[in-house]
Amino acid sequence: MSRLVPLVAIALIWSACGGGDAPPEGSATPDDSPGDAAAIPRVQITQPQDGATVPQGPLQVVFEVEGLVISPAGTMDEGTGHHHLIVDADLLSWTDPIGVEEGRYIHMGQAQTSFTVEGLEPGEHRLIAVVADGVHVPLDPPVADTVHITVTGATHQE
């Protein structure tokens, strides 16, 4: 019985404050307010676009994030992270730090939001963006994006 009293009191206060009333028609609710979508961290590779065909040569990869701040590696503040780019490889673990391997596992620890990939041969390639915390562990839940591109034999025209 003693557990029931606080629950009844909360229910009475809730209804007295209008907690049981429906919101006015046309008003935003927590489920559909524009700010809520930004609260879920997301990363997107905006350049190149998924499915793009690009000429052989230096490839500029650009990242955009929502719902978090890109900070230098080592920053362990809530809501921060930094980019890693994985080229034609798999993320080996979602719970261990991401390693570095030139040309395959690229670390952007200075809060960069773009990176130029060199040396992609003609053919199909996969680029994975992963946002990790200050010690390079992928964020949980994962904040990642993948694009597939095709590099042609033609080179960039300067």
C-alpha atoms as a PDB file:
ATOM      1  CA  MET A   1       0.000   0.000   0.000  1.00  0.00           C
ATOM      2  CA  SER A   2       2.855   2.416   0.802  1.00  0.00           C
ATOM      3  CA  ARG A   3       4.148   2.171  -2.806  1.00  0.00           C
ATOM      4  CA  LEU A   4       0.739   3.066  -4.209  1.00  0.00           C
ATOM      5  CA  VAL A   5       0.459   6.420  -2.403  1.00  0.00           C
ATOM      6  CA  PRO A   6       3.331   8.141  -4.274  1.00  0.00           C
ATOM      7  CA  LEU A   7       2.037   6.857  -7.615  1.00  0.00           C
ATOM      8  CA  VAL A   8      -1.461   8.181  -6.924  1.00  0.00           C
ATOM      9  CA  ALA A   9       0.007  11.527  -5.835  1.00  0.00           C
ATOM     10  CA  ILE A  10       2.050  11.785  -9.057  1.00  0.00           C
ATOM     11  CA  ALA A  11      -1.003  10.944 -11.166  1.00  0.00           C
ATOM     12  CA  LEU A  12      -3.090  13.610  -9.400  1.00  0.00           C
ATOM     13  CA  ILE A  13      -0.387  16.256  -9.831  1.00  0.00           C
ATOM     14  CA  TRP A  14       0.060  15.285 -13.503  1.00  0.00           C
ATOM     15  CA  SER A  15      -3.626  15.641 -14.294  1.00  0.00           C
ATOM     16  CA  ALA A  16      -3.931  18.888 -12.299  1.00  0.00           C
ATOM     17  CA  CYS A  17      -1.076  20.376 -14.348  1.00  0.00           C
ATOM     18  CA  GLY A  18      -2.712  19.400 -17.622  1.00  0.00           C
ATOM     19  CA  GLY A  19      -0.508  16.346 -18.152  1.00  0.00           C
ATOM     20  CA  GLY A  20      -3.434  14.288 -19.357  1.00  0.00           C
ATOM     21  CA  ASP A  21      -4.623  16.823 -21.920  1.00  0.00           C
ATOM     22  CA  ALA A  22      -3.795  16.481 -25.590  1.00  0.00           C
ATOM     23  CA  PRO A  23      -1.609  19.263 -27.040  1.00  0.00           C
ATOM     24  CA  PRO A  24      -3.394  21.954 -29.043  1.00  0.00           C
ATOM     25  CA  GLU A  25      -4.023  20.943 -32.628  1.00  0.00           C
ATOM     26  CA  GLY A  26      -1.057  21.705 -34.866  1.00  0.00           C
ATOM     27  CA  SER A  27       1.414  22.063 -32.006  1.00  0.00           C
ATOM     28  CA  ALA A  28       4.677  20.142 -31.982  1.00  0.00           C
ATOM     29  CA  THR A  29       5.028  17.192 -29.660  1.00  0.00           C
ATOM     30  CA  PRO A  30       8.358  15.773 -28.465  1.00  0.00           C
ATOM     31  CA  ASP A  31       8.115  13.050 -31.121  1.00  0.00           C
ATOM     32  CA  ASP A  32       7.844  15.461 -34.033  1.00  0.00           C
ATOM     33  CA  SER A  33       9.684  18.611 -32.973  1.00  0.00           C
ATOM     34  CA  PRO A  34      12.469  19.619 -35.372  1.00  0.00           C
ATOM     35  CA  GLY A  35      15.092  19.736 -32.620  1.00  0.00           C
ATOM     36  CA  ASP A  36      14.699  16.066 -31.737  1.00  0.00           C
ATOM     37  CA  ALA A  37      16.118  14.797 -35.042  1.00  0.00           C
ATOM     38  CA  ALA A  38      19.321  16.738 -34.460  1.00  0.00           C
ATOM     39  CA  ALA A  39      19.707  15.149 -31.024  1.00  0.00           C
ATOM     40  CA  ILE A  40      20.476  11.778 -32.625  1.00  0.00           C
ATOM     41  CA  PRO A  41      24.116  11.974 -33.749  1.00  0.00           C
ATOM     42  CA  ARG A  42      24.616  11.326 -37.444  1.00  0.00           C
ATOM     43  CA  VAL A  43      27.473  11.572 -39.913  1.00  0.00           C
ATOM     44  CA  GLN A  44      27.161  11.777 -43.664  1.00  0.00           C
ATOM     45  CA  ILE A  45      29.727  11.663 -46.418  1.00  0.00           C
ATOM     46  CA  THR A  46      28.478  14.530 -48.592  1.00  0.00           C
ATOM     47  CA  GLN A  47      31.254  14.371 -51.163  1.00  0.00           C
ATOM     48  CA  PRO A  48      31.534  12.157 -53.104  1.00  0.00           C
ATOM     49  CA  GLN A  49      27.930  11.041 -53.183  1.00  0.00           C
ATOM     50  CA  ASP A  50      26.990   7.375 -52.949  1.00  0.00           C
ATOM     51  CA  GLY A  51      27.146   5.808 -56.406  1.00  0.00           C
ATOM     52  CA  ALA A  52      29.325   8.576 -57.876  1.00  0.00           C
ATOM     53  CA  THR A  53      31.744   7.967 -60.718  1.00  0.00           C
ATOM     54  CA  VAL A  54      34.891  10.021 -60.227  1.00  0.00           C
ATOM     55  CA  PRO A  55      38.072  10.456 -62.256  1.00  0.00           C
ATOM     56  CA  GLN A  56      41.292   8.907 -60.993  1.00  0.00           C
ATOM     57  CA  GLY A  57      43.398  11.271 -58.922  1.00  0.00           C
ATOM     58  CA  PRO A  58      43.105  13.040 -55.583  1.00  0.00           C
ATOM     59  CA  LEU A  59      39.613  12.549 -54.133  1.00  0.00           C
ATOM     60  CA  GLN A  60      38.220  15.072 -51.671  1.00  0.00           C
ATOM     61  CA  VAL A  61      35.980  13.354 -49.070  1.00  0.00           C
ATOM     62  CA  VAL A  62      33.759  15.738 -47.071  1.00  0.00           C
ATOM     63  CA  PHE A  63      31.853  14.885 -43.891  1.00  0.00           C
ATOM     64  CA  GLU A  64      28.902  16.569 -42.189  1.00  0.00           C
ATOM     65  CA  VAL A  65      27.598  15.752 -38.717  1.00  0.00           C
ATOM     66  CA  GLU A  66      24.428  16.480 -36.802  1.00  0.00           C
ATOM     67  CA  GLY A  67      23.834  16.120 -33.091  1.00  0.00           C
ATOM     68  CA  LEU A  68      27.467  16.268 -31.989  1.00  0.00           C
ATOM     69  CA  VAL A  69      30.553  18.449 -32.129  1.00  0.00           C
ATOM     70  CA  ILE A  70      33.688  17.389 -33.986  1.00  0.00           C
ATOM     71  CA  SER A  71      36.626  17.933 -31.616  1.00  0.00           C
ATOM     72  CA  PRO A  72      40.317  17.024 -31.609  1.00  0.00           C
ATOM     73  CA  ALA A  73      41.283  13.505 -30.569  1.00  0.00           C
ATOM     74  CA  GLY A  74      41.682  13.242 -26.834  1.00  0.00           C
ATOM     75  CA  THR A  75      38.507  15.220 -26.142  1.00  0.00           C
ATOM     76  CA  MET A  76      36.253  13.058 -23.996  1.00  0.00           C
ATOM     77  CA  ASP A  77      33.399  15.544 -23.495  1.00  0.00           C
ATOM     78  CA  GLU A  78      29.846  14.229 -23.914  1.00  0.00           C
ATOM     79  CA  GLY A  79      28.508  14.923 -27.408  1.00  0.00           C
ATOM     80  CA  THR A  80      31.924  15.149 -29.091  1.00  0.00           C
ATOM     81  CA  GLY A  81      33.941  12.939 -31.404  1.00  0.00           C
ATOM     82  CA  HIS A  82      36.311  12.985 -34.359  1.00  0.00           C
ATOM     83  CA  HIS A  83      36.316  11.448 -37.822  1.00  0.00           C
ATOM     84  CA  HIS A  84      37.934   8.283 -39.092  1.00  0.00           C
ATOM     85  CA  LEU A  85      37.785   7.245 -42.749  1.00  0.00           C
ATOM     86  CA  ILE A  86      38.037   3.604 -43.762  1.00  0.00           C
ATOM     87  CA  VAL A  87      38.867   2.926 -47.415  1.00  0.00           C
ATOM     88  CA  ASP A  88      38.143  -0.487 -48.937  1.00  0.00           C
ATOM     89  CA  ALA A  89      38.346  -2.236 -45.556  1.00  0.00           C
ATOM     90  CA  ASP A  90      36.054  -3.227 -42.704  1.00  0.00           C
ATOM     91  CA  LEU A  91      35.821  -1.737 -39.258  1.00  0.00           C
ATOM     92  CA  LEU A  92      37.475  -4.439 -37.185  1.00  0.00           C
ATOM     93  CA  SER A  93      35.585  -3.682 -33.961  1.00  0.00           C
ATOM     94  CA  TRP A  94      32.783  -1.394 -32.804  1.00  0.00           C
ATOM     95  CA  THR A  95      34.114  -1.543 -29.228  1.00  0.00           C
ATOM     96  CA  ASP A  96      37.906  -1.217 -29.627  1.00  0.00           C
ATOM     97  CA  PRO A  97      39.946   1.796 -30.760  1.00  0.00           C
ATOM     98  CA  ILE A  98      40.230   2.251 -34.521  1.00  0.00           C
ATOM     99  CA  GLY A  99      43.802   1.745 -35.670  1.00  0.00           C
ATOM    100  CA  VAL A 100      45.697   3.667 -38.317  1.00  0.00           C
ATOM    101  CA  GLU A 101      46.936   2.180 -41.573  1.00  0.00           C
ATOM    102  CA  GLU A 102      48.012   4.542 -44.318  1.00  0.00           C
ATOM    103  CA  GLY A 103      45.520   4.577 -47.155  1.00  0.00           C
ATOM    104  CA  ARG A 104      43.013   2.293 -45.379  1.00  0.00           C
ATOM    105  CA  TYR A 105      42.345   3.428 -41.783  1.00  0.00           C
ATOM    106  CA  ILE A 106      42.669   7.201 -41.748  1.00  0.00           C
ATOM    107  CA  HIS A 107      42.558   9.170 -38.503  1.00  0.00           C
ATOM    108  CA  MET A 108      41.488  12.814 -38.532  1.00  0.00           C
ATOM    109  CA  GLY A 109      42.452  13.800 -35.000  1.00  0.00           C
ATOM    110  CA  GLN A 110      42.638  17.561 -35.512  1.00  0.00           C
ATOM    111  CA  ALA A 111      38.847  17.917 -35.921  1.00  0.00           C
ATOM    112  CA  GLN A 112      39.092  17.928 -39.712  1.00  0.00           C
ATOM    113  CA  THR A 113      35.837  17.629 -41.655  1.00  0.00           C
ATOM    114  CA  SER A 114      37.420  16.606 -44.959  1.00  0.00           C
ATOM    115  CA  PHE A 115      40.278  14.502 -46.234  1.00  0.00           C
ATOM    116  CA  THR A 116      41.951  14.009 -49.621  1.00  0.00           C
ATOM    117  CA  VAL A 117      42.394  10.351 -50.555  1.00  0.00           C
ATOM    118  CA  GLU A 118      45.312   9.633 -52.887  1.00  0.00           C
ATOM    119  CA  GLY A 119      46.088   6.595 -55.001  1.00  0.00           C
ATOM    120  CA  LEU A 120      42.681   5.013 -55.653  1.00  0.00           C
ATOM    121  CA  GLU A 121      43.024   2.720 -58.641  1.00  0.00           C
ATOM    122  CA  PRO A 122      40.265   2.528 -61.285  1.00  0.00           C
ATOM    123  CA  GLY A 123      37.374   0.377 -60.132  1.00  0.00           C
ATOM    124  CA  GLU A 124      34.826   0.189 -57.341  1.00  0.00           C
ATOM    125  CA  HIS A 125      35.655   1.447 -53.855  1.00  0.00           C
ATOM    126  CA  ARG A 126      33.923   1.709 -50.485  1.00  0.00           C
ATOM    127  CA  LEU A 127      34.391   4.634 -48.089  1.00  0.00           C
ATOM    128  CA  ILE A 128      33.199   4.384 -44.486  1.00  0.00           C
ATOM    129  CA  ALA A 129      33.047   7.389 -42.165  1.00  0.00           C
ATOM    130  CA  VAL A 130      33.079   6.528 -38.457  1.00  0.00           C
ATOM    131  CA  VAL A 131      32.936   9.044 -35.627  1.00  0.00           C
ATOM    132  CA  ALA A 132      34.902   7.949 -32.568  1.00  0.00           C
ATOM    133  CA  ASP A 133      35.422   9.318 -29.076  1.00  0.00           C
ATOM    134  CA  GLY A 134      38.636  10.938 -27.856  1.00  0.00           C
ATOM    135  CA  VAL A 135      40.456   7.605 -27.578  1.00  0.00           C
ATOM    136  CA  HIS A 136      39.335   6.387 -31.034  1.00  0.00           C
ATOM    137  CA  VAL A 137      36.557   4.026 -29.913  1.00  0.00           C
ATOM    138  CA  PRO A 138      33.510   4.272 -32.234  1.00  0.00           C
ATOM    139  CA  LEU A 139      30.612   6.075 -30.604  1.00  0.00           C
ATOM    140  CA  ASP A 140      27.798   3.955 -29.156  1.00  0.00           C
ATOM    141  CA  PRO A 141      25.312   3.888 -30.766  1.00  0.00           C
ATOM    142  CA  PRO A 142      27.408   3.875 -33.954  1.00  0.00           C
ATOM    143  CA  VAL A 143      27.725   7.106 -35.921  1.00  0.00           C
ATOM    144  CA  ALA A 144      28.799   5.943 -39.383  1.00  0.00           C
ATOM    145  CA  ASP A 145      28.054   6.331 -43.087  1.00  0.00           C
ATOM    146  CA  THR A 146      29.122   4.367 -46.150  1.00  0.00           C
ATOM    147  CA  VAL A 147      29.357   5.363 -49.798  1.00  0.00           C
ATOM    148  CA  HIS A 148      30.358   3.311 -52.807  1.00  0.00           C
ATOM    149  CA  ILE A 149      32.118   5.006 -55.711  1.00  0.00           C
ATOM    150  CA  THR A 150      33.631   4.040 -59.026  1.00  0.00           C
ATOM    151  CA  VAL A 151      36.969   5.516 -60.074  1.00  0.00           C
ATOM    152  CA  THR A 152      37.462   5.777 -63.830  1.00  0.00           C
ATOM    153  CA  GLY A 153      40.789   5.538 -65.634  1.00  0.00           C
ATOM    154  CA  ALA A 154      40.584   9.192 -66.633  1.00  0.00           C
ATOM    155  CA  THR A 155      42.557  11.573 -64.429  1.00  0.00           C
ATOM    156  CA  HIS A 156      41.494  14.924 -63.016  1.00  0.00           C
ATOM    157  CA  GLN A 157      42.034  17.785 -65.425  1.00  0.00           C
ATOM    158  CA  GLU A 158      44.140  20.581 -63.897  1.00  0.00           C
END
